Structures are given as structure tokens and as C-alpha cells.
N, C-alpha and C. Protein backbone atom coordinates (compact mmCIF):
# COMPACT_ATOMS: atom_id res chain seq x y z
N MET A 1 17.45 12.82 1.60
CA MET A 1 17.09 13.36 0.29
C MET A 1 16.16 12.39 -0.43
N ARG A 2 15.16 12.92 -1.05
CA ARG A 2 14.17 12.11 -1.76
C ARG A 2 14.71 11.66 -3.12
N ASP A 3 14.17 10.56 -3.59
CA ASP A 3 14.50 10.09 -4.92
C ASP A 3 13.36 10.53 -5.85
N ASP A 4 13.40 11.81 -6.24
CA ASP A 4 12.32 12.40 -7.03
C ASP A 4 12.16 11.72 -8.38
N ASP A 5 13.24 11.29 -8.99
CA ASP A 5 13.14 10.64 -10.30
C ASP A 5 12.37 9.33 -10.21
N ALA A 6 12.64 8.56 -9.16
CA ALA A 6 11.93 7.28 -8.98
C ALA A 6 10.44 7.54 -8.73
N PHE A 7 10.13 8.56 -7.95
CA PHE A 7 8.73 8.87 -7.70
C PHE A 7 8.04 9.31 -8.99
N CYS A 8 8.68 10.15 -9.77
CA CYS A 8 8.09 10.61 -11.04
C CYS A 8 7.85 9.44 -11.98
N GLU A 9 8.79 8.50 -12.03
CA GLU A 9 8.60 7.31 -12.86
C GLU A 9 7.39 6.51 -12.38
N PHE A 10 7.28 6.34 -11.06
CA PHE A 10 6.15 5.61 -10.52
C PHE A 10 4.84 6.33 -10.84
N ALA A 11 4.80 7.64 -10.62
CA ALA A 11 3.57 8.42 -10.85
C ALA A 11 3.13 8.34 -12.31
N GLU A 12 4.08 8.40 -13.22
CA GLU A 12 3.74 8.30 -14.64
C GLU A 12 3.25 6.90 -15.01
N ALA A 13 3.88 5.89 -14.42
CA ALA A 13 3.50 4.51 -14.75
C ALA A 13 2.18 4.11 -14.11
N ALA A 14 1.93 4.55 -12.88
CA ALA A 14 0.74 4.09 -12.14
C ALA A 14 -0.43 5.07 -12.21
N GLY A 15 -0.20 6.28 -12.67
CA GLY A 15 -1.25 7.30 -12.65
C GLY A 15 -2.52 6.93 -13.37
N ASP A 16 -2.40 6.40 -14.58
CA ASP A 16 -3.60 6.03 -15.35
C ASP A 16 -4.39 4.92 -14.68
N ARG A 17 -3.69 3.92 -14.17
CA ARG A 17 -4.39 2.81 -13.50
C ARG A 17 -5.08 3.29 -12.23
N LEU A 18 -4.41 4.13 -11.46
CA LEU A 18 -5.04 4.68 -10.25
C LEU A 18 -6.27 5.50 -10.62
N ARG A 19 -6.17 6.29 -11.67
CA ARG A 19 -7.29 7.13 -12.10
C ARG A 19 -8.48 6.28 -12.56
N ARG A 20 -8.21 5.19 -13.29
CA ARG A 20 -9.30 4.30 -13.72
C ARG A 20 -9.97 3.64 -12.52
N THR A 21 -9.19 3.21 -11.55
CA THR A 21 -9.76 2.61 -10.34
C THR A 21 -10.59 3.65 -9.59
N ALA A 22 -10.08 4.86 -9.50
CA ALA A 22 -10.81 5.93 -8.83
C ALA A 22 -12.12 6.24 -9.56
N PHE A 23 -12.10 6.18 -10.89
CA PHE A 23 -13.33 6.41 -11.65
C PHE A 23 -14.36 5.33 -11.34
N LEU A 24 -13.92 4.09 -11.27
CA LEU A 24 -14.84 3.00 -10.95
C LEU A 24 -15.44 3.18 -9.57
N LEU A 25 -14.66 3.72 -8.65
CA LEU A 25 -15.17 3.96 -7.30
C LEU A 25 -16.17 5.11 -7.29
N GLY A 26 -15.80 6.23 -7.89
CA GLY A 26 -16.61 7.43 -7.77
C GLY A 26 -17.54 7.71 -8.93
N HIS A 27 -17.33 7.05 -10.06
CA HIS A 27 -18.20 7.21 -11.23
C HIS A 27 -18.16 8.65 -11.75
N ASP A 28 -17.01 9.31 -11.57
CA ASP A 28 -16.86 10.71 -11.95
C ASP A 28 -15.38 10.95 -12.26
N TRP A 29 -15.09 11.40 -13.49
CA TRP A 29 -13.70 11.60 -13.87
C TRP A 29 -13.03 12.73 -13.09
N HIS A 30 -13.77 13.75 -12.72
CA HIS A 30 -13.18 14.85 -11.94
C HIS A 30 -12.79 14.37 -10.55
N LEU A 31 -13.69 13.62 -9.92
CA LEU A 31 -13.38 13.05 -8.62
C LEU A 31 -12.21 12.07 -8.74
N ALA A 32 -12.17 11.30 -9.80
CA ALA A 32 -11.07 10.35 -10.02
C ALA A 32 -9.73 11.08 -10.09
N GLN A 33 -9.72 12.20 -10.81
CA GLN A 33 -8.49 13.00 -10.89
C GLN A 33 -8.09 13.51 -9.52
N ASP A 34 -9.06 14.01 -8.75
CA ASP A 34 -8.78 14.52 -7.41
C ASP A 34 -8.24 13.41 -6.50
N LEU A 35 -8.88 12.24 -6.53
CA LEU A 35 -8.44 11.13 -5.69
C LEU A 35 -7.04 10.67 -6.06
N THR A 36 -6.75 10.65 -7.35
CA THR A 36 -5.41 10.25 -7.80
C THR A 36 -4.37 11.25 -7.33
N GLN A 37 -4.69 12.53 -7.42
CA GLN A 37 -3.75 13.56 -6.95
C GLN A 37 -3.53 13.48 -5.45
N ILE A 38 -4.60 13.24 -4.70
CA ILE A 38 -4.47 13.09 -3.25
C ILE A 38 -3.56 11.91 -2.94
N ALA A 39 -3.80 10.79 -3.61
CA ALA A 39 -2.99 9.59 -3.36
C ALA A 39 -1.52 9.83 -3.68
N LEU A 40 -1.25 10.43 -4.82
CA LEU A 40 0.14 10.66 -5.21
C LEU A 40 0.82 11.70 -4.32
N ALA A 41 0.09 12.71 -3.91
CA ALA A 41 0.67 13.74 -3.03
C ALA A 41 1.04 13.14 -1.67
N ARG A 42 0.14 12.36 -1.11
CA ARG A 42 0.41 11.74 0.20
C ARG A 42 1.51 10.68 0.09
N LEU A 43 1.54 9.99 -1.03
CA LEU A 43 2.60 9.01 -1.24
C LEU A 43 3.96 9.70 -1.33
N TYR A 44 4.01 10.83 -1.99
CA TYR A 44 5.27 11.55 -2.16
C TYR A 44 5.89 11.92 -0.80
N VAL A 45 5.02 12.30 0.13
CA VAL A 45 5.50 12.68 1.46
C VAL A 45 6.21 11.51 2.15
N LYS A 46 5.72 10.30 1.93
CA LYS A 46 6.27 9.12 2.60
C LYS A 46 7.05 8.22 1.63
N TRP A 47 7.41 8.74 0.50
CA TRP A 47 8.00 7.94 -0.57
C TRP A 47 9.14 7.04 -0.11
N ARG A 48 10.06 7.55 0.67
CA ARG A 48 11.25 6.77 1.07
C ARG A 48 10.92 5.67 2.07
N ARG A 49 9.80 5.79 2.78
CA ARG A 49 9.47 4.82 3.82
C ARG A 49 8.47 3.76 3.36
N VAL A 50 8.00 3.84 2.13
CA VAL A 50 6.96 2.93 1.64
C VAL A 50 7.61 1.76 0.89
N ASP A 51 7.22 0.54 1.28
CA ASP A 51 7.75 -0.66 0.62
C ASP A 51 7.04 -0.95 -0.70
N ASP A 52 5.72 -0.85 -0.70
CA ASP A 52 4.93 -1.15 -1.90
C ASP A 52 4.13 0.10 -2.28
N PRO A 53 4.70 0.96 -3.12
CA PRO A 53 4.05 2.24 -3.41
C PRO A 53 2.67 2.11 -4.07
N HIS A 54 2.48 1.09 -4.91
CA HIS A 54 1.18 0.95 -5.58
C HIS A 54 0.10 0.60 -4.54
N ALA A 55 0.38 -0.33 -3.67
CA ALA A 55 -0.58 -0.71 -2.63
C ALA A 55 -0.87 0.47 -1.70
N TYR A 56 0.16 1.21 -1.35
CA TYR A 56 -0.02 2.36 -0.47
C TYR A 56 -0.85 3.44 -1.15
N ALA A 57 -0.59 3.70 -2.42
CA ALA A 57 -1.36 4.72 -3.16
C ALA A 57 -2.82 4.29 -3.27
N LYS A 58 -3.06 3.02 -3.54
CA LYS A 58 -4.43 2.52 -3.65
C LYS A 58 -5.15 2.64 -2.30
N LYS A 59 -4.45 2.36 -1.23
CA LYS A 59 -5.02 2.45 0.11
C LYS A 59 -5.40 3.91 0.44
N ILE A 60 -4.51 4.82 0.13
CA ILE A 60 -4.78 6.25 0.35
C ILE A 60 -5.98 6.69 -0.48
N MET A 61 -6.00 6.28 -1.74
CA MET A 61 -7.08 6.67 -2.65
C MET A 61 -8.42 6.14 -2.15
N LEU A 62 -8.44 4.90 -1.72
CA LEU A 62 -9.67 4.29 -1.22
C LEU A 62 -10.17 5.02 0.03
N ARG A 63 -9.28 5.32 0.93
CA ARG A 63 -9.68 6.04 2.15
C ARG A 63 -10.17 7.45 1.82
N ALA A 64 -9.52 8.11 0.86
CA ALA A 64 -9.95 9.45 0.45
C ALA A 64 -11.34 9.38 -0.17
N PHE A 65 -11.60 8.33 -0.98
CA PHE A 65 -12.92 8.15 -1.58
C PHE A 65 -13.98 7.95 -0.51
N LEU A 66 -13.73 7.06 0.44
CA LEU A 66 -14.72 6.79 1.49
C LEU A 66 -14.94 8.03 2.37
N ASP A 67 -13.87 8.78 2.66
CA ASP A 67 -14.01 10.03 3.42
C ASP A 67 -14.86 11.02 2.63
N HIS A 68 -14.61 11.11 1.33
CA HIS A 68 -15.36 12.02 0.46
C HIS A 68 -16.85 11.66 0.49
N LYS A 69 -17.16 10.39 0.44
CA LYS A 69 -18.56 9.95 0.41
C LYS A 69 -19.25 10.13 1.76
N ARG A 70 -18.50 10.16 2.84
CA ARG A 70 -19.11 10.35 4.16
C ARG A 70 -19.59 11.78 4.37
N ARG A 71 -18.95 12.71 3.70
CA ARG A 71 -19.32 14.12 3.85
C ARG A 71 -20.61 14.42 3.09
N ARG A 72 -21.56 15.01 3.75
CA ARG A 72 -22.84 15.34 3.11
C ARG A 72 -22.65 16.45 2.07
N SER A 73 -21.68 17.31 2.26
CA SER A 73 -21.49 18.44 1.35
C SER A 73 -20.97 18.01 -0.01
N THR A 74 -20.60 16.73 -0.16
CA THR A 74 -20.03 16.29 -1.43
C THR A 74 -21.06 15.69 -2.36
N ASP A 75 -22.33 15.73 -1.99
CA ASP A 75 -23.36 15.20 -2.88
C ASP A 75 -23.48 16.13 -4.08
N GLU A 76 -22.99 15.67 -5.20
CA GLU A 76 -23.02 16.45 -6.42
C GLU A 76 -24.01 15.84 -7.39
N VAL A 77 -24.55 16.68 -8.22
CA VAL A 77 -25.47 16.19 -9.24
C VAL A 77 -24.64 15.75 -10.44
N THR A 78 -24.81 14.51 -10.84
CA THR A 78 -24.07 14.02 -12.00
C THR A 78 -24.93 14.19 -13.24
N THR A 79 -24.28 14.32 -14.36
CA THR A 79 -25.01 14.48 -15.62
C THR A 79 -25.09 13.15 -16.33
N ALA A 80 -25.95 13.10 -17.31
CA ALA A 80 -26.11 11.87 -18.09
C ALA A 80 -25.03 11.75 -19.15
N GLU A 81 -24.15 12.73 -19.23
CA GLU A 81 -23.10 12.74 -20.23
C GLU A 81 -22.04 11.71 -19.89
N VAL A 82 -21.68 10.91 -20.86
CA VAL A 82 -20.68 9.88 -20.66
C VAL A 82 -19.30 10.45 -20.95
N PRO A 83 -18.31 10.17 -20.09
CA PRO A 83 -16.97 10.69 -20.36
C PRO A 83 -16.37 10.02 -21.60
N GLU A 84 -15.51 10.75 -22.25
CA GLU A 84 -14.88 10.20 -23.44
C GLU A 84 -13.77 9.25 -23.01
N THR A 85 -13.97 7.97 -23.25
CA THR A 85 -12.96 6.97 -22.96
C THR A 85 -12.89 6.00 -24.12
N PRO A 86 -11.71 5.51 -24.42
CA PRO A 86 -11.63 4.52 -25.49
C PRO A 86 -12.28 3.22 -25.04
N ALA A 87 -13.06 2.63 -25.92
CA ALA A 87 -13.71 1.36 -25.61
C ALA A 87 -13.95 0.60 -26.90
N ASP A 88 -14.07 -0.69 -26.77
CA ASP A 88 -14.42 -1.49 -27.93
C ASP A 88 -15.84 -1.14 -28.34
N ALA A 89 -16.06 -1.00 -29.63
CA ALA A 89 -17.39 -0.63 -30.11
C ALA A 89 -18.44 -1.66 -29.71
N ASP A 90 -18.07 -2.94 -29.69
CA ASP A 90 -19.01 -4.00 -29.36
C ASP A 90 -19.41 -3.98 -27.89
N GLN A 91 -18.52 -3.51 -27.02
CA GLN A 91 -18.79 -3.60 -25.60
C GLN A 91 -19.15 -2.25 -24.98
N GLY A 92 -19.35 -1.24 -25.78
CA GLY A 92 -19.67 0.09 -25.24
C GLY A 92 -20.95 0.11 -24.43
N ASP A 93 -22.02 -0.48 -24.96
CA ASP A 93 -23.29 -0.50 -24.23
C ASP A 93 -23.19 -1.31 -22.95
N LEU A 94 -22.50 -2.42 -23.02
CA LEU A 94 -22.33 -3.26 -21.83
C LEU A 94 -21.56 -2.51 -20.76
N ARG A 95 -20.50 -1.82 -21.16
CA ARG A 95 -19.69 -1.06 -20.21
C ARG A 95 -20.53 0.03 -19.55
N LEU A 96 -21.32 0.76 -20.34
CA LEU A 96 -22.16 1.81 -19.78
C LEU A 96 -23.20 1.24 -18.83
N THR A 97 -23.78 0.12 -19.19
CA THR A 97 -24.77 -0.52 -18.33
C THR A 97 -24.14 -0.94 -17.01
N LEU A 98 -22.95 -1.53 -17.08
CA LEU A 98 -22.26 -1.95 -15.85
C LEU A 98 -21.87 -0.76 -14.98
N LEU A 99 -21.37 0.30 -15.61
CA LEU A 99 -20.98 1.49 -14.84
C LEU A 99 -22.19 2.15 -14.19
N THR A 100 -23.31 2.18 -14.90
CA THR A 100 -24.53 2.74 -14.33
C THR A 100 -24.99 1.91 -13.13
N ALA A 101 -25.00 0.59 -13.29
CA ALA A 101 -25.40 -0.29 -12.19
C ALA A 101 -24.45 -0.15 -11.02
N LEU A 102 -23.16 -0.06 -11.29
CA LEU A 102 -22.17 0.10 -10.23
C LEU A 102 -22.40 1.40 -9.47
N GLY A 103 -22.85 2.43 -10.17
CA GLY A 103 -23.13 3.72 -9.53
C GLY A 103 -24.29 3.68 -8.55
N HIS A 104 -25.13 2.64 -8.63
CA HIS A 104 -26.26 2.51 -7.72
C HIS A 104 -25.90 1.82 -6.41
N LEU A 105 -24.69 1.28 -6.31
CA LEU A 105 -24.27 0.63 -5.08
C LEU A 105 -23.81 1.67 -4.06
N ALA A 106 -23.89 1.31 -2.79
CA ALA A 106 -23.36 2.17 -1.73
C ALA A 106 -21.84 2.25 -1.88
N PRO A 107 -21.22 3.32 -1.40
CA PRO A 107 -19.78 3.50 -1.60
C PRO A 107 -18.93 2.31 -1.13
N ARG A 108 -19.21 1.76 0.03
CA ARG A 108 -18.40 0.64 0.52
C ARG A 108 -18.62 -0.60 -0.34
N GLU A 109 -19.87 -0.85 -0.74
CA GLU A 109 -20.15 -1.99 -1.61
C GLU A 109 -19.43 -1.81 -2.94
N ARG A 110 -19.48 -0.61 -3.48
CA ARG A 110 -18.81 -0.32 -4.74
C ARG A 110 -17.32 -0.54 -4.61
N ALA A 111 -16.75 -0.09 -3.49
CA ALA A 111 -15.32 -0.27 -3.25
C ALA A 111 -14.96 -1.75 -3.23
N ILE A 112 -15.77 -2.55 -2.57
CA ILE A 112 -15.50 -4.00 -2.50
C ILE A 112 -15.56 -4.62 -3.89
N VAL A 113 -16.59 -4.30 -4.66
CA VAL A 113 -16.73 -4.88 -6.00
C VAL A 113 -15.58 -4.44 -6.90
N VAL A 114 -15.24 -3.17 -6.87
CA VAL A 114 -14.16 -2.67 -7.71
C VAL A 114 -12.83 -3.34 -7.34
N LEU A 115 -12.54 -3.40 -6.05
CA LEU A 115 -11.28 -3.98 -5.63
C LEU A 115 -11.22 -5.48 -5.90
N ARG A 116 -12.30 -6.19 -5.63
CA ARG A 116 -12.31 -7.65 -5.81
C ARG A 116 -12.32 -8.05 -7.29
N TYR A 117 -13.15 -7.39 -8.09
CA TYR A 117 -13.38 -7.89 -9.44
C TYR A 117 -12.73 -7.08 -10.55
N TRP A 118 -12.55 -5.78 -10.36
CA TRP A 118 -11.85 -5.01 -11.39
C TRP A 118 -10.35 -5.00 -11.10
N GLU A 119 -10.00 -4.86 -9.83
CA GLU A 119 -8.59 -4.84 -9.45
C GLU A 119 -8.05 -6.23 -9.16
N ASP A 120 -8.93 -7.22 -9.10
CA ASP A 120 -8.57 -8.62 -8.88
C ASP A 120 -7.77 -8.83 -7.60
N MET A 121 -8.22 -8.17 -6.53
CA MET A 121 -7.56 -8.31 -5.24
C MET A 121 -8.19 -9.47 -4.47
N SER A 122 -7.42 -10.08 -3.60
CA SER A 122 -7.92 -11.19 -2.79
C SER A 122 -8.84 -10.66 -1.68
N VAL A 123 -9.64 -11.56 -1.13
CA VAL A 123 -10.52 -11.20 -0.03
C VAL A 123 -9.70 -10.67 1.14
N ARG A 124 -8.58 -11.32 1.40
CA ARG A 124 -7.71 -10.90 2.51
C ARG A 124 -7.20 -9.47 2.30
N ASP A 125 -6.75 -9.16 1.08
CA ASP A 125 -6.23 -7.82 0.80
C ASP A 125 -7.31 -6.75 0.90
N VAL A 126 -8.50 -7.06 0.39
CA VAL A 126 -9.61 -6.11 0.48
C VAL A 126 -9.99 -5.89 1.94
N ALA A 127 -10.04 -6.96 2.71
CA ALA A 127 -10.38 -6.85 4.13
C ALA A 127 -9.36 -5.98 4.86
N ARG A 128 -8.11 -6.19 4.57
CA ARG A 128 -7.05 -5.41 5.22
C ARG A 128 -7.16 -3.94 4.81
N LEU A 129 -7.41 -3.70 3.54
CA LEU A 129 -7.49 -2.33 3.01
C LEU A 129 -8.69 -1.58 3.59
N LEU A 130 -9.82 -2.27 3.72
CA LEU A 130 -11.04 -1.63 4.21
C LEU A 130 -11.21 -1.75 5.73
N ARG A 131 -10.24 -2.42 6.37
CA ARG A 131 -10.28 -2.59 7.83
C ARG A 131 -11.56 -3.31 8.27
N MET A 132 -11.81 -4.45 7.68
CA MET A 132 -12.96 -5.26 8.04
C MET A 132 -12.56 -6.73 7.98
N SER A 133 -13.41 -7.58 8.52
CA SER A 133 -13.09 -9.01 8.51
C SER A 133 -13.26 -9.59 7.11
N GLU A 134 -12.57 -10.69 6.87
CA GLU A 134 -12.68 -11.36 5.58
C GLU A 134 -14.10 -11.86 5.34
N SER A 135 -14.73 -12.36 6.40
CA SER A 135 -16.10 -12.85 6.24
C SER A 135 -17.06 -11.71 5.89
N ASN A 136 -16.82 -10.53 6.45
CA ASN A 136 -17.65 -9.37 6.14
C ASN A 136 -17.46 -8.96 4.68
N VAL A 137 -16.24 -9.03 4.19
CA VAL A 137 -15.98 -8.72 2.78
C VAL A 137 -16.74 -9.70 1.89
N LYS A 138 -16.70 -10.99 2.25
CA LYS A 138 -17.41 -12.00 1.46
C LYS A 138 -18.91 -11.75 1.45
N VAL A 139 -19.48 -11.46 2.62
CA VAL A 139 -20.93 -11.23 2.72
C VAL A 139 -21.33 -9.99 1.93
N GLN A 140 -20.60 -8.89 2.15
CA GLN A 140 -20.94 -7.65 1.44
C GLN A 140 -20.71 -7.79 -0.06
N SER A 141 -19.70 -8.54 -0.45
CA SER A 141 -19.46 -8.79 -1.86
C SER A 141 -20.63 -9.55 -2.47
N MET A 142 -21.09 -10.57 -1.77
CA MET A 142 -22.22 -11.36 -2.25
C MET A 142 -23.48 -10.49 -2.38
N ARG A 143 -23.72 -9.66 -1.38
CA ARG A 143 -24.90 -8.78 -1.42
C ARG A 143 -24.79 -7.77 -2.55
N ALA A 144 -23.61 -7.20 -2.73
CA ALA A 144 -23.41 -6.22 -3.80
C ALA A 144 -23.61 -6.86 -5.17
N LEU A 145 -23.10 -8.07 -5.34
CA LEU A 145 -23.28 -8.76 -6.62
C LEU A 145 -24.75 -9.09 -6.86
N THR A 146 -25.47 -9.44 -5.80
CA THR A 146 -26.90 -9.70 -5.93
C THR A 146 -27.63 -8.44 -6.37
N LYS A 147 -27.26 -7.30 -5.78
CA LYS A 147 -27.87 -6.02 -6.18
C LYS A 147 -27.55 -5.71 -7.64
N LEU A 148 -26.30 -5.95 -8.03
CA LEU A 148 -25.91 -5.70 -9.41
C LEU A 148 -26.71 -6.58 -10.37
N ARG A 149 -26.86 -7.85 -10.02
CA ARG A 149 -27.63 -8.76 -10.87
C ARG A 149 -29.07 -8.27 -11.01
N THR A 150 -29.65 -7.83 -9.89
CA THR A 150 -31.02 -7.32 -9.92
C THR A 150 -31.11 -6.08 -10.81
N LEU A 151 -30.18 -5.16 -10.62
CA LEU A 151 -30.17 -3.94 -11.44
C LEU A 151 -29.98 -4.27 -12.92
N LEU A 152 -29.08 -5.17 -13.21
CA LEU A 152 -28.82 -5.53 -14.60
C LEU A 152 -30.00 -6.29 -15.20
N ASN A 153 -30.68 -7.07 -14.41
CA ASN A 153 -31.88 -7.78 -14.86
C ASN A 153 -32.99 -6.79 -15.22
N GLU A 154 -33.15 -5.76 -14.36
CA GLU A 154 -34.18 -4.74 -14.62
C GLU A 154 -33.87 -4.01 -15.93
N GLU A 155 -32.58 -3.71 -16.16
CA GLU A 155 -32.18 -3.03 -17.40
C GLU A 155 -32.49 -3.91 -18.61
N THR A 156 -32.17 -5.20 -18.49
CA THR A 156 -32.41 -6.13 -19.59
C THR A 156 -33.89 -6.24 -19.89
N GLU A 157 -34.71 -6.34 -18.85
CA GLU A 157 -36.15 -6.43 -19.04
C GLU A 157 -36.70 -5.15 -19.65
N ALA A 158 -36.20 -3.99 -19.22
CA ALA A 158 -36.65 -2.71 -19.78
C ALA A 158 -36.26 -2.63 -21.26
N ASP A 159 -35.08 -3.09 -21.60
CA ASP A 159 -34.64 -3.08 -23.00
C ASP A 159 -35.50 -4.01 -23.84
N ALA A 160 -35.90 -5.14 -23.27
CA ALA A 160 -36.72 -6.10 -24.02
C ALA A 160 -38.10 -5.53 -24.31
N THR A 161 -38.65 -4.76 -23.38
CA THR A 161 -40.00 -4.20 -23.59
C THR A 161 -39.97 -3.04 -24.58
N THR A 162 -38.83 -2.35 -24.68
CA THR A 162 -38.73 -1.23 -25.62
C THR A 162 -38.18 -1.67 -26.96
N GLY A 163 -37.75 -2.94 -27.06
CA GLY A 163 -37.24 -3.44 -28.32
C GLY A 163 -35.75 -3.20 -28.52
N ARG A 164 -35.05 -2.67 -27.50
CA ARG A 164 -33.60 -2.48 -27.60
C ARG A 164 -32.89 -3.76 -27.21
N PHE A 165 -31.78 -4.02 -27.86
CA PHE A 165 -30.97 -5.21 -27.52
C PHE A 165 -29.53 -4.85 -27.39
């Protein structure tokens, strides 16, 4: 017999964090909701056999995201409309700039950056989750950060020429 109450407590407690991580991966709130539901549904099936439900849910969500990005039929047109999320007024522009730059990375690079720097996971954990070597995670992380710096530099230079700060 399943412990449905414990699962419901976990889903309520971890749902928002999983959804935020999924948004950072996919840059789309609808996709984030779908990925969170996929993760929680698959976790529910194995609930009694899972030792660390949060790690397992994150692993499922990450694999679902990468599978989603591999399919050519999932190329959707995104709008310039920003989702309504609470943010500090001072950091709103910075957050949007970072999210836009993050959206320009390849899915695997984005996954590495999100897991390493937003989720604060170790290189070893990211490597295990993505099924790659630790050195590969380090190299791809370095390359992704270089791309982000370049993208952010271009944005800063464009803002300086238009007079925006």
C-alpha cells in the first residue's frame, strides 16, 4: 500500500522548487508545469522504492526536458511576453537579461548551468545526473559560462549605445 499522504506532502513542498528549476531549463512556464507533472507522476509510481525523492524527481524532470528538446516537433515559437513572477524591483531587468541569455544556450549547456549555479549542485552530482564525466561537466560549464558572458557583454554594449542602463 502506498503512503499517499507522504507523497502529497512532498509534492506540495517540492512542487514550486521543481517548477522554478524546470522554468530555468525550458524558459517556458507551460513546459515547466508539464515537466513538473511528469516528474511527480513518475515519482508517484516508484514512491515506496525511492530513497531521495527530491533527487529522483529532479533526475526525471531533467531527462524529460532533454527528451523534449531532442524531438524536432517540440520547437515552439516563444513570445516576448514575460511571465508574471514576483521579483525585486531593483533586479527585474537583471533577471530578464540573465533569463534571455540563458535561453540562448543549448539544452545540455543550459541544464549544466542551471544545475550547477542555480541549484548549487556539485560537479559530481551533475555528472551523475547527466550521465557524463566530471571533466566533461567542467569543460561544458566553462564553455557555457563563456557564452553567457559574451551574450551579456553584447547586451551591455547595446544598452550603452542606446543610452539604457
